[in-house]
Amino acid sequence: MTEQAAGQQAQQQFQLQRIYLKDLSYEAPKTPMMFREQWKPEVNLDVNNSATEIETDLHEVVLTTTVTVKNGDATAFIVEVAQAGLFLLKGVEGIQKEAILKGVCANILFPYARETVSDVVSRGTFPQFLLQPINFEAAFAENLRKQQAEAQGETPPAH
């Protein structure tokens, strides 16, 4: 490794500063009648993340998870969790910085969001609800690959 490369690596820094719940919403519009119906849930999951530079090298990453569960035509419950974190990120730029903020940070936040969703649903006395793990780093890489293929005028293969 060259001295320049070693110096650049030494200047790069990634550190978790804080994890916190930014927003939480829960609705169960058809209770208590919903509890008397046969339970055949249909689940819709929407997950988004955003990153904002709060000050130099300090970023807030917000992972928003929205779960809508319907039983037949009626909405059983809706849970929206905005799980956030403050991350120090120094000496990293471009695509590497974006990959860390949208992949690594989201992977760190997701277990907290998953736990909050599960806890809120159980407090509503609905059956246990566990979100399956999501690999945000792999999803970011796949999205980047698709964008690059589209930019080059190719049609990415469907998976």
N, C-alpha and C. Protein backbone atom coordinates (compact mmCIF):
# COMPACT_ATOMS: atom_id res chain seq x y z
N MET A 1 0.84 -1.16 0.00
CA MET A 1 0.00 0.00 0.00
C MET A 1 0.90 1.24 0.00
N THR A 2 0.61 2.21 -0.85
CA THR A 2 1.40 3.42 -0.92
C THR A 2 1.12 4.29 0.29
N GLU A 3 2.05 5.21 0.56
CA GLU A 3 1.86 6.12 1.69
C GLU A 3 0.61 6.97 1.50
N GLN A 4 0.37 7.40 0.26
CA GLN A 4 -0.80 8.23 -0.02
C GLN A 4 -2.09 7.45 0.26
N ALA A 5 -2.16 6.20 -0.19
CA ALA A 5 -3.35 5.38 0.04
C ALA A 5 -3.54 5.12 1.54
N ALA A 6 -2.45 4.87 2.25
CA ALA A 6 -2.53 4.65 3.70
C ALA A 6 -3.00 5.91 4.41
N GLY A 7 -2.51 7.07 3.98
CA GLY A 7 -2.93 8.34 4.57
C GLY A 7 -4.39 8.62 4.31
N GLN A 8 -4.86 8.29 3.09
CA GLN A 8 -6.26 8.52 2.75
C GLN A 8 -7.16 7.63 3.60
N GLN A 9 -6.78 6.35 3.77
CA GLN A 9 -7.56 5.44 4.61
C GLN A 9 -7.61 5.93 6.05
N ALA A 10 -6.50 6.45 6.56
CA ALA A 10 -6.45 6.93 7.93
C ALA A 10 -7.36 8.13 8.11
N GLN A 11 -7.57 8.93 7.06
CA GLN A 11 -8.43 10.11 7.14
C GLN A 11 -9.91 9.76 7.04
N GLN A 12 -10.23 8.59 6.53
CA GLN A 12 -11.63 8.18 6.42
C GLN A 12 -12.14 7.75 7.80
N GLN A 13 -13.36 8.20 8.10
CA GLN A 13 -13.92 7.87 9.40
C GLN A 13 -15.43 7.67 9.26
N PHE A 14 -15.93 6.61 9.87
CA PHE A 14 -17.36 6.33 9.92
C PHE A 14 -17.69 5.98 11.35
N GLN A 15 -18.65 6.71 11.92
CA GLN A 15 -18.99 6.47 13.32
C GLN A 15 -20.48 6.75 13.55
N LEU A 16 -21.12 5.84 14.24
CA LEU A 16 -22.50 6.01 14.65
C LEU A 16 -22.52 6.93 15.87
N GLN A 17 -23.28 8.01 15.79
CA GLN A 17 -23.37 8.97 16.90
C GLN A 17 -24.59 8.70 17.78
N ARG A 18 -25.74 8.40 17.12
CA ARG A 18 -26.98 8.24 17.87
C ARG A 18 -28.02 7.56 17.00
N ILE A 19 -28.89 6.76 17.63
CA ILE A 19 -30.04 6.16 16.96
C ILE A 19 -31.27 6.61 17.74
N TYR A 20 -32.30 7.05 17.00
CA TYR A 20 -33.49 7.56 17.68
C TYR A 20 -34.73 7.36 16.81
N LEU A 21 -35.87 7.35 17.47
CA LEU A 21 -37.16 7.26 16.81
C LEU A 21 -37.60 8.67 16.46
N LYS A 22 -37.76 8.94 15.16
CA LYS A 22 -38.11 10.29 14.71
C LYS A 22 -39.62 10.47 14.60
N ASP A 23 -40.32 9.43 14.17
CA ASP A 23 -41.77 9.53 14.01
C ASP A 23 -42.37 8.14 14.10
N LEU A 24 -43.57 8.07 14.66
CA LEU A 24 -44.28 6.80 14.81
C LEU A 24 -45.76 7.06 14.66
N SER A 25 -46.40 6.26 13.81
CA SER A 25 -47.84 6.38 13.62
C SER A 25 -48.44 4.98 13.56
N TYR A 26 -49.58 4.82 14.22
CA TYR A 26 -50.28 3.54 14.23
C TYR A 26 -51.77 3.82 14.14
N GLU A 27 -52.43 3.12 13.24
CA GLU A 27 -53.88 3.22 13.11
C GLU A 27 -54.45 1.82 12.97
N ALA A 28 -55.55 1.58 13.65
CA ALA A 28 -56.31 0.34 13.52
C ALA A 28 -57.77 0.74 13.39
N PRO A 29 -58.17 1.19 12.20
CA PRO A 29 -59.48 1.84 12.03
C PRO A 29 -60.69 0.93 12.23
N LYS A 30 -60.55 -0.36 12.06
CA LYS A 30 -61.72 -1.25 12.13
C LYS A 30 -61.78 -2.07 13.41
N THR A 31 -61.01 -1.70 14.42
CA THR A 31 -61.12 -2.41 15.68
C THR A 31 -62.30 -1.84 16.45
N PRO A 32 -62.98 -2.61 17.24
CA PRO A 32 -62.74 -4.00 17.61
C PRO A 32 -63.40 -5.01 16.67
N MET A 33 -64.19 -4.54 15.68
CA MET A 33 -64.88 -5.50 14.80
C MET A 33 -63.89 -6.42 14.08
N MET A 34 -62.70 -5.90 13.78
CA MET A 34 -61.69 -6.69 13.06
C MET A 34 -61.30 -7.94 13.83
N PHE A 35 -61.34 -7.90 15.15
CA PHE A 35 -60.92 -9.04 15.96
C PHE A 35 -61.88 -10.22 15.86
N ARG A 36 -63.09 -9.98 15.38
CA ARG A 36 -64.09 -11.05 15.27
C ARG A 36 -64.05 -11.74 13.91
N GLU A 37 -63.29 -11.19 12.97
CA GLU A 37 -63.25 -11.75 11.62
C GLU A 37 -62.13 -12.78 11.49
N GLN A 38 -62.29 -13.67 10.50
CA GLN A 38 -61.24 -14.63 10.23
C GLN A 38 -60.03 -13.87 9.72
N TRP A 39 -58.85 -14.22 10.22
CA TRP A 39 -57.62 -13.47 9.93
C TRP A 39 -56.93 -14.03 8.69
N LYS A 40 -57.03 -13.29 7.58
CA LYS A 40 -56.35 -13.62 6.32
C LYS A 40 -55.69 -12.34 5.81
N PRO A 41 -54.57 -11.97 6.43
CA PRO A 41 -53.98 -10.66 6.13
C PRO A 41 -53.29 -10.59 4.78
N GLU A 42 -53.37 -9.42 4.17
CA GLU A 42 -52.59 -9.06 2.99
C GLU A 42 -51.69 -7.91 3.42
N VAL A 43 -50.38 -8.09 3.23
CA VAL A 43 -49.41 -7.13 3.73
C VAL A 43 -48.79 -6.33 2.58
N ASN A 44 -48.73 -5.03 2.77
CA ASN A 44 -48.01 -4.16 1.84
C ASN A 44 -46.91 -3.45 2.64
N LEU A 45 -45.68 -3.58 2.18
CA LEU A 45 -44.52 -3.00 2.86
C LEU A 45 -43.88 -1.97 1.95
N ASP A 46 -43.63 -0.79 2.49
CA ASP A 46 -42.95 0.27 1.76
C ASP A 46 -41.80 0.76 2.63
N VAL A 47 -40.58 0.71 2.08
CA VAL A 47 -39.40 1.13 2.84
C VAL A 47 -38.62 2.16 2.00
N ASN A 48 -38.32 3.28 2.63
CA ASN A 48 -37.55 4.34 1.98
C ASN A 48 -36.51 4.86 2.95
N ASN A 49 -35.41 5.38 2.41
CA ASN A 49 -34.45 6.04 3.28
C ASN A 49 -33.94 7.31 2.63
N SER A 50 -33.55 8.24 3.49
CA SER A 50 -33.02 9.50 3.02
C SER A 50 -31.86 9.90 3.93
N ALA A 51 -30.97 10.70 3.37
CA ALA A 51 -29.82 11.18 4.14
C ALA A 51 -29.70 12.68 3.94
N THR A 52 -29.46 13.38 5.05
CA THR A 52 -29.31 14.83 5.02
C THR A 52 -28.06 15.19 5.80
N GLU A 53 -27.24 16.04 5.20
CA GLU A 53 -26.05 16.50 5.93
C GLU A 53 -26.49 17.59 6.90
N ILE A 54 -26.34 17.33 8.19
CA ILE A 54 -26.77 18.24 9.26
C ILE A 54 -25.72 19.34 9.44
N GLU A 55 -24.49 18.95 9.45
CA GLU A 55 -23.35 19.87 9.47
C GLU A 55 -22.20 19.12 8.81
N THR A 56 -21.08 19.77 8.66
CA THR A 56 -19.97 19.15 7.96
C THR A 56 -19.67 17.76 8.53
N ASP A 57 -19.75 16.76 7.66
CA ASP A 57 -19.43 15.36 7.98
C ASP A 57 -20.43 14.67 8.91
N LEU A 58 -21.50 15.33 9.32
CA LEU A 58 -22.51 14.72 10.19
C LEU A 58 -23.82 14.59 9.41
N HIS A 59 -24.30 13.36 9.28
CA HIS A 59 -25.46 13.07 8.45
C HIS A 59 -26.57 12.43 9.27
N GLU A 60 -27.80 12.88 9.01
CA GLU A 60 -28.96 12.22 9.57
C GLU A 60 -29.50 11.29 8.48
N VAL A 61 -29.63 10.03 8.80
CA VAL A 61 -30.24 9.05 7.90
C VAL A 61 -31.57 8.64 8.52
N VAL A 62 -32.64 8.73 7.72
CA VAL A 62 -33.97 8.37 8.20
C VAL A 62 -34.47 7.21 7.35
N LEU A 63 -34.79 6.11 8.01
CA LEU A 63 -35.35 4.93 7.36
C LEU A 63 -36.83 4.90 7.71
N THR A 64 -37.68 5.09 6.69
CA THR A 64 -39.12 5.10 6.91
C THR A 64 -39.70 3.78 6.44
N THR A 65 -40.37 3.10 7.34
CA THR A 65 -40.99 1.81 7.06
C THR A 65 -42.49 1.94 7.28
N THR A 66 -43.25 1.66 6.23
CA THR A 66 -44.70 1.72 6.33
C THR A 66 -45.27 0.34 6.04
N VAL A 67 -46.04 -0.17 6.99
CA VAL A 67 -46.69 -1.48 6.84
C VAL A 67 -48.19 -1.26 6.85
N THR A 68 -48.85 -1.69 5.77
CA THR A 68 -50.30 -1.63 5.70
C THR A 68 -50.81 -3.05 5.58
N VAL A 69 -51.67 -3.44 6.51
CA VAL A 69 -52.22 -4.80 6.51
C VAL A 69 -53.73 -4.70 6.34
N LYS A 70 -54.21 -5.42 5.32
CA LYS A 70 -55.66 -5.49 5.07
C LYS A 70 -56.13 -6.89 5.36
N ASN A 71 -57.34 -6.97 5.84
CA ASN A 71 -58.00 -8.25 6.05
C ASN A 71 -59.27 -8.17 5.21
N GLY A 72 -59.25 -8.86 4.08
CA GLY A 72 -60.34 -8.69 3.12
C GLY A 72 -60.24 -7.29 2.52
N ASP A 73 -61.35 -6.56 2.51
CA ASP A 73 -61.36 -5.20 1.97
C ASP A 73 -61.03 -4.15 3.01
N ALA A 74 -61.01 -4.54 4.27
CA ALA A 74 -60.82 -3.57 5.36
C ALA A 74 -59.36 -3.47 5.78
N THR A 75 -58.94 -2.26 6.11
CA THR A 75 -57.59 -2.06 6.63
C THR A 75 -57.58 -2.47 8.10
N ALA A 76 -56.75 -3.45 8.41
CA ALA A 76 -56.62 -3.91 9.80
C ALA A 76 -55.77 -2.92 10.59
N PHE A 77 -54.58 -2.60 10.05
CA PHE A 77 -53.73 -1.61 10.71
C PHE A 77 -52.72 -1.04 9.72
N ILE A 78 -52.25 0.14 10.09
CA ILE A 78 -51.17 0.80 9.36
C ILE A 78 -50.16 1.25 10.41
N VAL A 79 -48.91 0.89 10.18
CA VAL A 79 -47.83 1.33 11.06
C VAL A 79 -46.79 2.04 10.20
N GLU A 80 -46.41 3.23 10.64
CA GLU A 80 -45.32 3.93 9.96
C GLU A 80 -44.29 4.32 11.00
N VAL A 81 -43.06 3.89 10.76
CA VAL A 81 -41.95 4.15 11.67
C VAL A 81 -40.86 4.89 10.90
N ALA A 82 -40.44 6.03 11.43
CA ALA A 82 -39.28 6.74 10.89
C ALA A 82 -38.16 6.60 11.92
N GLN A 83 -37.28 5.64 11.64
CA GLN A 83 -36.15 5.36 12.52
C GLN A 83 -34.96 6.14 11.98
N ALA A 84 -34.30 6.89 12.84
CA ALA A 84 -33.24 7.77 12.37
C ALA A 84 -31.94 7.52 13.12
N GLY A 85 -30.87 8.00 12.51
CA GLY A 85 -29.57 7.92 13.15
C GLY A 85 -28.69 9.07 12.69
N LEU A 86 -27.77 9.44 13.56
CA LEU A 86 -26.75 10.42 13.21
C LEU A 86 -25.45 9.67 12.99
N PHE A 87 -24.82 9.94 11.85
CA PHE A 87 -23.61 9.23 11.47
C PHE A 87 -22.53 10.24 11.09
N LEU A 88 -21.35 10.07 11.64
CA LEU A 88 -20.19 10.87 11.27
C LEU A 88 -19.52 10.16 10.10
N LEU A 89 -19.30 10.87 9.03
CA LEU A 89 -18.71 10.30 7.82
C LEU A 89 -17.70 11.29 7.27
N LYS A 90 -16.42 10.99 7.46
CA LYS A 90 -15.34 11.89 7.03
C LYS A 90 -14.48 11.21 5.97
N GLY A 91 -14.03 12.01 5.03
CA GLY A 91 -13.05 11.53 4.05
C GLY A 91 -13.61 10.56 3.03
N VAL A 92 -14.91 10.51 2.88
CA VAL A 92 -15.54 9.60 1.93
C VAL A 92 -16.41 10.45 1.01
N GLU A 93 -16.28 10.24 -0.28
CA GLU A 93 -17.04 11.05 -1.24
C GLU A 93 -17.66 10.17 -2.31
N GLY A 94 -18.50 10.79 -3.10
CA GLY A 94 -19.06 10.17 -4.30
C GLY A 94 -19.90 8.95 -4.02
N ILE A 95 -19.74 7.95 -4.88
CA ILE A 95 -20.57 6.74 -4.81
C ILE A 95 -20.31 5.96 -3.53
N GLN A 96 -19.08 6.00 -3.02
CA GLN A 96 -18.78 5.30 -1.77
C GLN A 96 -19.56 5.92 -0.60
N LYS A 97 -19.64 7.24 -0.57
CA LYS A 97 -20.40 7.94 0.47
C LYS A 97 -21.88 7.59 0.37
N GLU A 98 -22.42 7.61 -0.86
CA GLU A 98 -23.83 7.27 -1.07
C GLU A 98 -24.12 5.83 -0.66
N ALA A 99 -23.19 4.92 -0.98
CA ALA A 99 -23.37 3.52 -0.61
C ALA A 99 -23.41 3.33 0.91
N ILE A 100 -22.59 4.09 1.62
CA ILE A 100 -22.57 3.99 3.08
C ILE A 100 -23.87 4.54 3.65
N LEU A 101 -24.28 5.72 3.17
CA LEU A 101 -25.49 6.36 3.72
C LEU A 101 -26.76 5.57 3.39
N LYS A 102 -26.86 5.05 2.17
CA LYS A 102 -28.08 4.37 1.76
C LYS A 102 -28.05 2.86 2.01
N GLY A 103 -26.87 2.31 2.17
CA GLY A 103 -26.75 0.87 2.41
C GLY A 103 -26.39 0.53 3.84
N VAL A 104 -25.18 0.89 4.23
CA VAL A 104 -24.68 0.53 5.55
C VAL A 104 -25.54 1.13 6.67
N CYS A 105 -25.82 2.43 6.56
CA CYS A 105 -26.61 3.09 7.63
C CYS A 105 -28.02 2.51 7.72
N ALA A 106 -28.64 2.26 6.56
CA ALA A 106 -29.98 1.66 6.56
C ALA A 106 -29.95 0.27 7.20
N ASN A 107 -28.90 -0.51 6.92
CA ASN A 107 -28.77 -1.84 7.55
C ASN A 107 -28.65 -1.72 9.07
N ILE A 108 -28.01 -0.67 9.55
CA ILE A 108 -27.88 -0.46 10.99
C ILE A 108 -29.23 -0.08 11.60
N LEU A 109 -30.01 0.75 10.91
CA LEU A 109 -31.28 1.24 11.44
C LEU A 109 -32.43 0.23 11.37
N PHE A 110 -32.40 -0.64 10.36
CA PHE A 110 -33.54 -1.52 10.11
C PHE A 110 -33.94 -2.39 11.31
N PRO A 111 -33.02 -3.01 12.03
CA PRO A 111 -33.46 -3.84 13.17
C PRO A 111 -34.26 -3.05 14.22
N TYR A 112 -33.92 -1.78 14.40
CA TYR A 112 -34.67 -0.94 15.34
C TYR A 112 -36.08 -0.68 14.82
N ALA A 113 -36.19 -0.38 13.53
CA ALA A 113 -37.51 -0.16 12.92
C ALA A 113 -38.34 -1.44 12.98
N ARG A 114 -37.72 -2.57 12.69
CA ARG A 114 -38.42 -3.86 12.72
C ARG A 114 -38.96 -4.14 14.13
N GLU A 115 -38.15 -3.88 15.15
CA GLU A 115 -38.58 -4.11 16.53
C GLU A 115 -39.74 -3.19 16.90
N THR A 116 -39.68 -1.94 16.46
CA THR A 116 -40.76 -0.99 16.77
C THR A 116 -42.06 -1.43 16.11
N VAL A 117 -42.00 -1.82 14.85
CA VAL A 117 -43.20 -2.30 14.15
C VAL A 117 -43.79 -3.50 14.89
N SER A 118 -42.96 -4.47 15.23
CA SER A 118 -43.42 -5.67 15.92
C SER A 118 -44.07 -5.31 17.26
N ASP A 119 -43.43 -4.42 18.01
CA ASP A 119 -43.94 -4.03 19.32
C ASP A 119 -45.30 -3.33 19.21
N VAL A 120 -45.42 -2.40 18.27
CA VAL A 120 -46.67 -1.65 18.10
C VAL A 120 -47.81 -2.57 17.67
N VAL A 121 -47.54 -3.48 16.75
CA VAL A 121 -48.58 -4.41 16.28
C VAL A 121 -49.03 -5.31 17.43
N SER A 122 -48.10 -5.79 18.24
CA SER A 122 -48.49 -6.65 19.36
C SER A 122 -49.28 -5.87 20.42
N ARG A 123 -48.97 -4.59 20.59
CA ARG A 123 -49.74 -3.76 21.53
C ARG A 123 -51.16 -3.53 21.02
N GLY A 124 -51.35 -3.63 19.70
CA GLY A 124 -52.69 -3.56 19.13
C GLY A 124 -53.42 -4.88 19.22
N THR A 125 -52.79 -5.88 19.79
CA THR A 125 -53.25 -7.26 20.00
C THR A 125 -53.52 -8.00 18.70
N PHE A 126 -52.82 -7.62 17.63
CA PHE A 126 -52.86 -8.41 16.40
C PHE A 126 -51.82 -9.51 16.50
N PRO A 127 -51.92 -10.55 15.65
CA PRO A 127 -50.92 -11.62 15.67
C PRO A 127 -49.51 -11.06 15.46
N GLN A 128 -48.53 -11.78 16.00
CA GLN A 128 -47.13 -11.35 15.89
C GLN A 128 -46.79 -11.02 14.44
N PHE A 129 -46.07 -9.92 14.26
CA PHE A 129 -45.70 -9.46 12.93
C PHE A 129 -44.20 -9.18 12.90
N LEU A 130 -43.48 -9.94 12.11
CA LEU A 130 -42.03 -9.78 12.00
C LEU A 130 -41.66 -9.46 10.55
N LEU A 131 -41.00 -8.33 10.36
CA LEU A 131 -40.49 -7.98 9.03
C LEU A 131 -39.27 -8.83 8.74
N GLN A 132 -39.19 -9.31 7.52
CA GLN A 132 -38.02 -10.09 7.11
C GLN A 132 -36.84 -9.15 6.89
N PRO A 133 -35.62 -9.63 7.13
CA PRO A 133 -34.45 -8.78 6.93
C PRO A 133 -34.36 -8.28 5.48
N ILE A 134 -33.79 -7.11 5.33
CA ILE A 134 -33.53 -6.52 4.01
C ILE A 134 -32.05 -6.19 3.95
N ASN A 135 -31.40 -6.54 2.86
CA ASN A 135 -30.00 -6.20 2.66
C ASN A 135 -29.95 -4.92 1.85
N PHE A 136 -29.84 -3.78 2.51
CA PHE A 136 -29.86 -2.49 1.84
C PHE A 136 -28.61 -2.26 0.99
N GLU A 137 -27.48 -2.83 1.41
CA GLU A 137 -26.26 -2.68 0.61
C GLU A 137 -26.42 -3.39 -0.74
N ALA A 138 -26.98 -4.58 -0.73
CA ALA A 138 -27.22 -5.31 -1.98
C ALA A 138 -28.26 -4.59 -2.84
N ALA A 139 -29.30 -4.06 -2.20
CA ALA A 139 -30.33 -3.33 -2.95
C ALA A 139 -29.74 -2.07 -3.57
N PHE A 140 -28.87 -1.37 -2.86
CA PHE A 140 -28.23 -0.18 -3.41
C PHE A 140 -27.36 -0.56 -4.61
N ALA A 141 -26.58 -1.62 -4.48
CA ALA A 141 -25.70 -2.06 -5.57
C ALA A 141 -26.53 -2.45 -6.80
N GLU A 142 -27.64 -3.14 -6.60
CA GLU A 142 -28.50 -3.55 -7.71
C GLU A 142 -29.13 -2.32 -8.38
N ASN A 143 -29.59 -1.38 -7.59
CA ASN A 143 -30.17 -0.16 -8.14
C ASN A 143 -29.13 0.64 -8.93
N LEU A 144 -27.91 0.71 -8.42
CA LEU A 144 -26.83 1.40 -9.11
C LEU A 144 -26.51 0.71 -10.44
N ARG A 145 -26.47 -0.62 -10.43
CA ARG A 145 -26.20 -1.38 -11.64
C ARG A 145 -27.27 -1.10 -12.70
N LYS A 146 -28.54 -1.05 -12.27
CA LYS A 146 -29.63 -0.76 -13.20
C LYS A 146 -29.52 0.64 -13.77
N GLN A 147 -29.18 1.62 -12.93
CA GLN A 147 -29.04 2.99 -13.39
C GLN A 147 -27.91 3.11 -14.41
N GLN A 148 -26.80 2.41 -14.15
CA GLN A 148 -25.67 2.45 -15.08
C GLN A 148 -26.03 1.79 -16.41
N ALA A 149 -26.77 0.69 -16.35
CA ALA A 149 -27.18 0.00 -17.58
C ALA A 149 -28.13 0.89 -18.39
N GLU A 150 -29.06 1.56 -17.71
CA GLU A 150 -29.99 2.46 -18.40
C GLU A 150 -29.25 3.64 -19.02
N ALA A 151 -28.24 4.16 -18.31
CA ALA A 151 -27.47 5.29 -18.82
C ALA A 151 -26.70 4.92 -20.09
N GLN A 152 -26.33 3.63 -20.18
CA GLN A 152 -25.61 3.15 -21.35
C GLN A 152 -26.56 2.64 -22.43
N GLY A 153 -27.86 2.82 -22.20
CA GLY A 153 -28.85 2.42 -23.20
C GLY A 153 -29.14 0.93 -23.23
N GLU A 154 -28.77 0.23 -22.19
CA GLU A 154 -29.04 -1.21 -22.12
C GLU A 154 -30.29 -1.46 -21.30
N THR A 155 -30.90 -2.58 -21.53
CA THR A 155 -32.02 -3.00 -20.71
C THR A 155 -31.48 -4.02 -19.73
N PRO A 156 -31.55 -3.71 -18.41
CA PRO A 156 -31.03 -4.67 -17.45
C PRO A 156 -31.87 -5.94 -17.43
N PRO A 157 -31.23 -7.08 -17.21
CA PRO A 157 -31.99 -8.33 -17.14
C PRO A 157 -32.90 -8.34 -15.93
N ALA A 158 -34.08 -8.90 -16.10
CA ALA A 158 -35.04 -9.02 -14.99
C ALA A 158 -34.62 -10.15 -14.08
N HIS A 159 -34.81 -9.94 -12.78
CA HIS A 159 -34.49 -11.00 -11.78
C HIS A 159 -35.73 -11.52 -11.17
